[in-house]
Amino acid sequence: MPSTQILLPVFVQIVLIFALLFWQGVLRGQSLRSGAVSLRNVALNEPNWPTKPTQVANNFNNQFQLPILFFVIVILSQVYSTTDWTMVGLAWVFVVSRIVHSYIHTSSNRFSLRFRAYTFGFLVLIVMWAVFAVKVFGVA
């Protein structure tokens, strides 16, 4: 039964979040040790960090936007026993879209590509919620 299979993409999303948090800490520590920024200049004002730590921090913060709705739909899908292979497949597609978005955001940061990856994940999330609504409410 796919009810436990949907947890694997959830764990991959969680690993992505923890990896970004760890990477952010490493980059900020390096920035402080190298003198690229002083603690006094960043203690209350995030924009003073150099570009790379800011990119990673911004992407880490992005993981608490759409992914929150992903976590909620997975939980509700489990609670209402509506998890099936379609939902598992959509969960994987969503998580891959988040990985692609993170890669673009923390590397080239090309806005047009990043926007496409974000929008694609958003659309997948809408489909997940629609599939759930049809199953729970029987609307067609």
Foldseek 3Di string as FASTA:
>chain_A
DCLVVLVVLVVLLVVVLVVLVVVLVVQVVVCCVVVVDDCVRPVPPPVSGDDLSNLSVVLSVVSPPVVVLVVVLSVVCNVVVVDDVVLSVLSNLLSVLSVQLSVCSNPVNPPVSNVVSVVVSVVSSVVSVVSVCCVVVVDD
